[in-house]
Amino acid sequence: MNIQKMMKQAAKMQEQMAQAQAELAERTVTATAGGGKVTVVATGAGDVVSIKIDKAVVDPEDVEMLEDLIVVAIAEAQKKAAQVAADEMGKVTGGIELPFKLPF
């Protein structure tokens, strides 16, 4: 294979990856915990953009439960975001595994 052709293909893939990353930053995923009592929205890049908490789970006597629900919802949102990112990057790379992981 011609080295120039290979370099052009690599540059095109890099361009497509940058575009996919920008699109992921605009997409959102939603996750809940506690039967929908805590809802977290994150970008496809894994950044948490909002948290909604149902007043029914705000109990001053049991703050730890609310903290746990928030942690679970954030972890699930980030897991969904990572899957969306992996799916999108897989489209760009054609299934080729890259020597790095996404930052989340």
N, C-alpha and C. Protein backbone atom coordinates (compact mmCIF):
# COMPACT_ATOMS: atom_id res chain seq x y z
N MET A 1 0.84 -1.19 0.00
CA MET A 1 0.00 0.00 0.00
C MET A 1 0.89 1.25 0.00
N ASN A 2 0.47 2.22 -0.72
CA ASN A 2 1.16 3.50 -0.85
C ASN A 2 1.13 4.24 0.50
N ILE A 3 2.30 4.71 0.96
CA ILE A 3 2.39 5.39 2.26
C ILE A 3 1.60 6.70 2.25
N GLN A 4 1.59 7.40 1.10
CA GLN A 4 0.83 8.66 1.03
C GLN A 4 -0.67 8.39 1.15
N LYS A 5 -1.12 7.33 0.52
CA LYS A 5 -2.53 6.97 0.60
C LYS A 5 -2.89 6.60 2.04
N MET A 6 -2.02 5.87 2.69
CA MET A 6 -2.24 5.49 4.08
C MET A 6 -2.28 6.72 4.99
N MET A 7 -1.41 7.68 4.75
CA MET A 7 -1.39 8.91 5.55
C MET A 7 -2.67 9.72 5.33
N LYS A 8 -3.15 9.76 4.10
CA LYS A 8 -4.41 10.47 3.81
C LYS A 8 -5.57 9.81 4.53
N GLN A 9 -5.59 8.48 4.54
CA GLN A 9 -6.65 7.75 5.22
C GLN A 9 -6.60 8.01 6.73
N ALA A 10 -5.40 8.04 7.28
CA ALA A 10 -5.23 8.31 8.71
C ALA A 10 -5.71 9.72 9.04
N ALA A 11 -5.38 10.68 8.19
CA ALA A 11 -5.81 12.07 8.41
C ALA A 11 -7.33 12.17 8.33
N LYS A 12 -7.93 11.46 7.39
CA LYS A 12 -9.38 11.48 7.25
C LYS A 12 -10.03 10.87 8.49
N MET A 13 -9.47 9.77 8.98
CA MET A 13 -10.01 9.12 10.17
C MET A 13 -9.90 10.05 11.37
N GLN A 14 -8.78 10.74 11.48
CA GLN A 14 -8.59 11.67 12.59
C GLN A 14 -9.63 12.79 12.52
N GLU A 15 -9.91 13.28 11.33
CA GLU A 15 -10.91 14.32 11.13
C GLU A 15 -12.29 13.80 11.54
N GLN A 16 -12.61 12.58 11.13
CA GLN A 16 -13.90 11.99 11.46
C GLN A 16 -14.03 11.76 12.96
N MET A 17 -12.93 11.38 13.60
CA MET A 17 -12.97 11.19 15.05
C MET A 17 -13.20 12.50 15.78
N ALA A 18 -12.58 13.57 15.32
CA ALA A 18 -12.77 14.88 15.94
C ALA A 18 -14.23 15.31 15.79
N GLN A 19 -14.80 15.06 14.62
CA GLN A 19 -16.20 15.41 14.38
C GLN A 19 -17.11 14.57 15.28
N ALA A 20 -16.83 13.27 15.40
CA ALA A 20 -17.63 12.40 16.26
C ALA A 20 -17.55 12.85 17.71
N GLN A 21 -16.37 13.25 18.17
CA GLN A 21 -16.22 13.73 19.56
C GLN A 21 -17.02 15.01 19.79
N ALA A 22 -17.02 15.90 18.80
CA ALA A 22 -17.80 17.13 18.93
C ALA A 22 -19.29 16.80 18.99
N GLU A 23 -19.73 15.85 18.18
CA GLU A 23 -21.13 15.45 18.19
C GLU A 23 -21.50 14.78 19.51
N LEU A 24 -20.58 14.00 20.07
CA LEU A 24 -20.84 13.35 21.36
C LEU A 24 -21.03 14.39 22.47
N ALA A 25 -20.29 15.47 22.40
CA ALA A 25 -20.41 16.52 23.40
C ALA A 25 -21.79 17.17 23.36
N GLU A 26 -22.47 17.07 22.21
CA GLU A 26 -23.80 17.66 22.05
C GLU A 26 -24.93 16.68 22.40
N ARG A 27 -24.66 15.39 22.30
CA ARG A 27 -25.68 14.37 22.60
C ARG A 27 -25.82 14.20 24.11
N THR A 28 -26.98 13.75 24.54
CA THR A 28 -27.16 13.49 25.96
C THR A 28 -27.72 12.09 26.19
N VAL A 29 -27.43 11.58 27.36
CA VAL A 29 -28.00 10.33 27.84
C VAL A 29 -28.61 10.61 29.20
N THR A 30 -29.63 9.83 29.56
CA THR A 30 -30.32 10.01 30.83
C THR A 30 -30.30 8.70 31.59
N ALA A 31 -30.06 8.79 32.89
CA ALA A 31 -30.09 7.61 33.74
C ALA A 31 -30.82 7.97 35.03
N THR A 32 -31.45 6.96 35.62
CA THR A 32 -32.19 7.18 36.86
C THR A 32 -31.77 6.17 37.92
N ALA A 33 -32.12 6.50 39.15
CA ALA A 33 -31.91 5.58 40.28
C ALA A 33 -33.09 5.74 41.22
N GLY A 34 -33.30 4.73 42.02
CA GLY A 34 -34.39 4.80 42.99
C GLY A 34 -35.75 4.86 42.35
N GLY A 35 -35.91 4.12 41.26
CA GLY A 35 -37.21 4.10 40.58
C GLY A 35 -37.57 5.45 39.99
N GLY A 36 -36.56 6.19 39.54
CA GLY A 36 -36.80 7.49 38.91
C GLY A 36 -36.77 8.65 39.88
N LYS A 37 -36.43 8.38 41.12
CA LYS A 37 -36.39 9.46 42.12
C LYS A 37 -35.20 10.39 41.91
N VAL A 38 -34.13 9.88 41.31
CA VAL A 38 -32.96 10.70 40.96
C VAL A 38 -32.69 10.49 39.48
N THR A 39 -32.61 11.58 38.73
CA THR A 39 -32.36 11.52 37.29
C THR A 39 -31.12 12.35 36.97
N VAL A 40 -30.21 11.73 36.21
CA VAL A 40 -28.99 12.41 35.81
C VAL A 40 -28.94 12.46 34.29
N VAL A 41 -28.60 13.62 33.77
CA VAL A 41 -28.39 13.79 32.32
C VAL A 41 -26.91 14.10 32.13
N ALA A 42 -26.29 13.36 31.20
CA ALA A 42 -24.87 13.56 30.89
C ALA A 42 -24.71 13.67 29.38
N THR A 43 -23.64 14.30 28.96
CA THR A 43 -23.34 14.37 27.53
C THR A 43 -22.76 13.03 27.09
N GLY A 44 -22.70 12.84 25.77
CA GLY A 44 -22.07 11.65 25.23
C GLY A 44 -20.59 11.58 25.57
N ALA A 45 -20.03 12.70 26.00
CA ALA A 45 -18.63 12.74 26.42
C ALA A 45 -18.48 12.39 27.91
N GLY A 46 -19.61 12.16 28.59
CA GLY A 46 -19.57 11.76 29.99
C GLY A 46 -19.68 12.88 31.01
N ASP A 47 -19.87 14.11 30.55
CA ASP A 47 -20.00 15.23 31.48
C ASP A 47 -21.43 15.32 32.00
N VAL A 48 -21.59 15.36 33.31
CA VAL A 48 -22.92 15.49 33.91
C VAL A 48 -23.39 16.93 33.71
N VAL A 49 -24.60 17.08 33.14
CA VAL A 49 -25.11 18.42 32.88
C VAL A 49 -26.30 18.78 33.76
N SER A 50 -26.98 17.77 34.32
CA SER A 50 -28.06 18.08 35.25
C SER A 50 -28.38 16.89 36.13
N ILE A 51 -28.89 17.22 37.31
CA ILE A 51 -29.36 16.22 38.26
C ILE A 51 -30.71 16.71 38.78
N LYS A 52 -31.71 15.85 38.71
CA LYS A 52 -33.04 16.15 39.24
C LYS A 52 -33.32 15.18 40.38
N ILE A 53 -33.80 15.71 41.48
CA ILE A 53 -34.08 14.90 42.66
C ILE A 53 -35.54 15.11 43.08
N ASP A 54 -36.27 14.02 43.15
CA ASP A 54 -37.66 14.05 43.61
C ASP A 54 -37.67 14.41 45.10
N LYS A 55 -38.52 15.33 45.47
CA LYS A 55 -38.58 15.78 46.87
C LYS A 55 -38.87 14.62 47.83
N ALA A 56 -39.50 13.57 47.33
CA ALA A 56 -39.86 12.44 48.19
C ALA A 56 -38.64 11.72 48.76
N VAL A 57 -37.47 11.85 48.12
CA VAL A 57 -36.29 11.16 48.64
C VAL A 57 -35.39 12.09 49.46
N VAL A 58 -35.82 13.31 49.65
CA VAL A 58 -35.04 14.24 50.47
C VAL A 58 -35.49 14.10 51.91
N ASP A 59 -34.74 13.30 52.65
CA ASP A 59 -35.04 13.03 54.06
C ASP A 59 -33.81 13.40 54.88
N PRO A 60 -33.91 14.45 55.67
CA PRO A 60 -32.76 14.88 56.47
C PRO A 60 -32.24 13.79 57.40
N GLU A 61 -33.07 12.82 57.71
CA GLU A 61 -32.66 11.73 58.59
C GLU A 61 -31.93 10.61 57.84
N ASP A 62 -31.97 10.66 56.49
CA ASP A 62 -31.35 9.60 55.70
C ASP A 62 -30.65 10.19 54.47
N VAL A 63 -29.73 11.07 54.72
CA VAL A 63 -28.97 11.72 53.65
C VAL A 63 -28.14 10.71 52.88
N GLU A 64 -27.67 9.68 53.56
CA GLU A 64 -26.81 8.68 52.91
C GLU A 64 -27.53 7.97 51.77
N MET A 65 -28.82 7.70 51.92
CA MET A 65 -29.56 7.05 50.85
C MET A 65 -29.60 7.95 49.61
N LEU A 66 -29.85 9.22 49.81
CA LEU A 66 -29.87 10.16 48.69
C LEU A 66 -28.50 10.24 48.03
N GLU A 67 -27.46 10.29 48.82
CA GLU A 67 -26.10 10.31 48.27
C GLU A 67 -25.85 9.07 47.42
N ASP A 68 -26.27 7.90 47.92
CA ASP A 68 -26.09 6.65 47.17
C ASP A 68 -26.86 6.68 45.85
N LEU A 69 -28.09 7.19 45.88
CA LEU A 69 -28.89 7.27 44.66
C LEU A 69 -28.22 8.18 43.62
N ILE A 70 -27.67 9.27 44.08
CA ILE A 70 -26.99 10.20 43.16
C ILE A 70 -25.77 9.52 42.54
N VAL A 71 -24.98 8.84 43.35
CA VAL A 71 -23.79 8.15 42.84
C VAL A 71 -24.19 7.08 41.81
N VAL A 72 -25.22 6.31 42.11
CA VAL A 72 -25.68 5.27 41.20
C VAL A 72 -26.15 5.88 39.88
N ALA A 73 -26.93 6.94 39.95
CA ALA A 73 -27.44 7.57 38.72
C ALA A 73 -26.31 8.16 37.89
N ILE A 74 -25.34 8.78 38.52
CA ILE A 74 -24.20 9.34 37.78
C ILE A 74 -23.40 8.22 37.13
N ALA A 75 -23.13 7.15 37.86
CA ALA A 75 -22.38 6.03 37.30
C ALA A 75 -23.10 5.43 36.10
N GLU A 76 -24.41 5.29 36.19
CA GLU A 76 -25.19 4.73 35.09
C GLU A 76 -25.17 5.66 33.88
N ALA A 77 -25.28 6.97 34.11
CA ALA A 77 -25.23 7.93 33.01
C ALA A 77 -23.88 7.88 32.32
N GLN A 78 -22.81 7.80 33.09
CA GLN A 78 -21.47 7.73 32.50
C GLN A 78 -21.26 6.42 31.75
N LYS A 79 -21.83 5.34 32.26
CA LYS A 79 -21.75 4.05 31.57
C LYS A 79 -22.47 4.13 30.22
N LYS A 80 -23.65 4.73 30.22
CA LYS A 80 -24.40 4.90 28.96
C LYS A 80 -23.62 5.79 28.00
N ALA A 81 -23.05 6.87 28.51
CA ALA A 81 -22.27 7.78 27.67
C ALA A 81 -21.07 7.06 27.06
N ALA A 82 -20.40 6.23 27.85
CA ALA A 82 -19.25 5.49 27.35
C ALA A 82 -19.66 4.53 26.25
N GLN A 83 -20.83 3.91 26.38
CA GLN A 83 -21.31 2.98 25.36
C GLN A 83 -21.65 3.73 24.07
N VAL A 84 -22.31 4.88 24.22
CA VAL A 84 -22.63 5.70 23.05
C VAL A 84 -21.34 6.13 22.34
N ALA A 85 -20.35 6.56 23.12
CA ALA A 85 -19.07 6.99 22.56
C ALA A 85 -18.38 5.83 21.86
N ALA A 86 -18.37 4.66 22.47
CA ALA A 86 -17.73 3.49 21.87
C ALA A 86 -18.42 3.11 20.57
N ASP A 87 -19.74 3.17 20.56
CA ASP A 87 -20.49 2.86 19.34
C ASP A 87 -20.15 3.85 18.22
N GLU A 88 -20.12 5.13 18.55
CA GLU A 88 -19.83 6.15 17.54
C GLU A 88 -18.40 6.06 17.03
N MET A 89 -17.46 5.86 17.94
CA MET A 89 -16.05 5.75 17.52
C MET A 89 -15.83 4.47 16.72
N GLY A 90 -16.57 3.43 17.04
CA GLY A 90 -16.47 2.19 16.27
C GLY A 90 -16.89 2.39 14.84
N LYS A 91 -17.87 3.27 14.62
CA LYS A 91 -18.29 3.59 13.25
C LYS A 91 -17.17 4.26 12.48
N VAL A 92 -16.44 5.13 13.16
CA VAL A 92 -15.35 5.87 12.51
C VAL A 92 -14.16 4.97 12.24
N THR A 93 -13.82 4.14 13.22
CA THR A 93 -12.61 3.33 13.09
C THR A 93 -12.86 1.99 12.40
N GLY A 94 -14.11 1.69 12.13
CA GLY A 94 -14.41 0.42 11.48
C GLY A 94 -14.10 -0.77 12.36
N GLY A 95 -14.17 -0.57 13.68
CA GLY A 95 -13.93 -1.66 14.63
C GLY A 95 -12.48 -1.84 15.02
N ILE A 96 -11.58 -1.03 14.45
CA ILE A 96 -10.16 -1.12 14.81
C ILE A 96 -10.02 -0.62 16.24
N GLU A 97 -9.37 -1.38 17.10
CA GLU A 97 -9.15 -0.93 18.47
C GLU A 97 -8.03 0.09 18.50
N LEU A 98 -8.30 1.17 19.21
CA LEU A 98 -7.32 2.24 19.31
C LEU A 98 -6.45 2.02 20.55
N PRO A 99 -5.22 2.53 20.53
CA PRO A 99 -4.31 2.32 21.65
C PRO A 99 -4.56 3.21 22.85
N PHE A 100 -5.77 3.79 22.96
CA PHE A 100 -6.11 4.62 24.09
C PHE A 100 -7.58 4.43 24.43
N LYS A 101 -7.93 4.84 25.63
CA LYS A 101 -9.33 4.77 26.07
C LYS A 101 -9.88 6.17 26.17
N LEU A 102 -11.21 6.26 26.07
CA LEU A 102 -11.86 7.53 26.26
C LEU A 102 -11.72 7.94 27.71
N PRO A 103 -11.78 9.25 28.02
CA PRO A 103 -11.48 9.74 29.36
C PRO A 103 -12.52 9.47 30.42
N PHE A 104 -13.48 8.58 30.20
CA PHE A 104 -14.47 8.29 31.23
C PHE A 104 -14.82 6.83 31.23
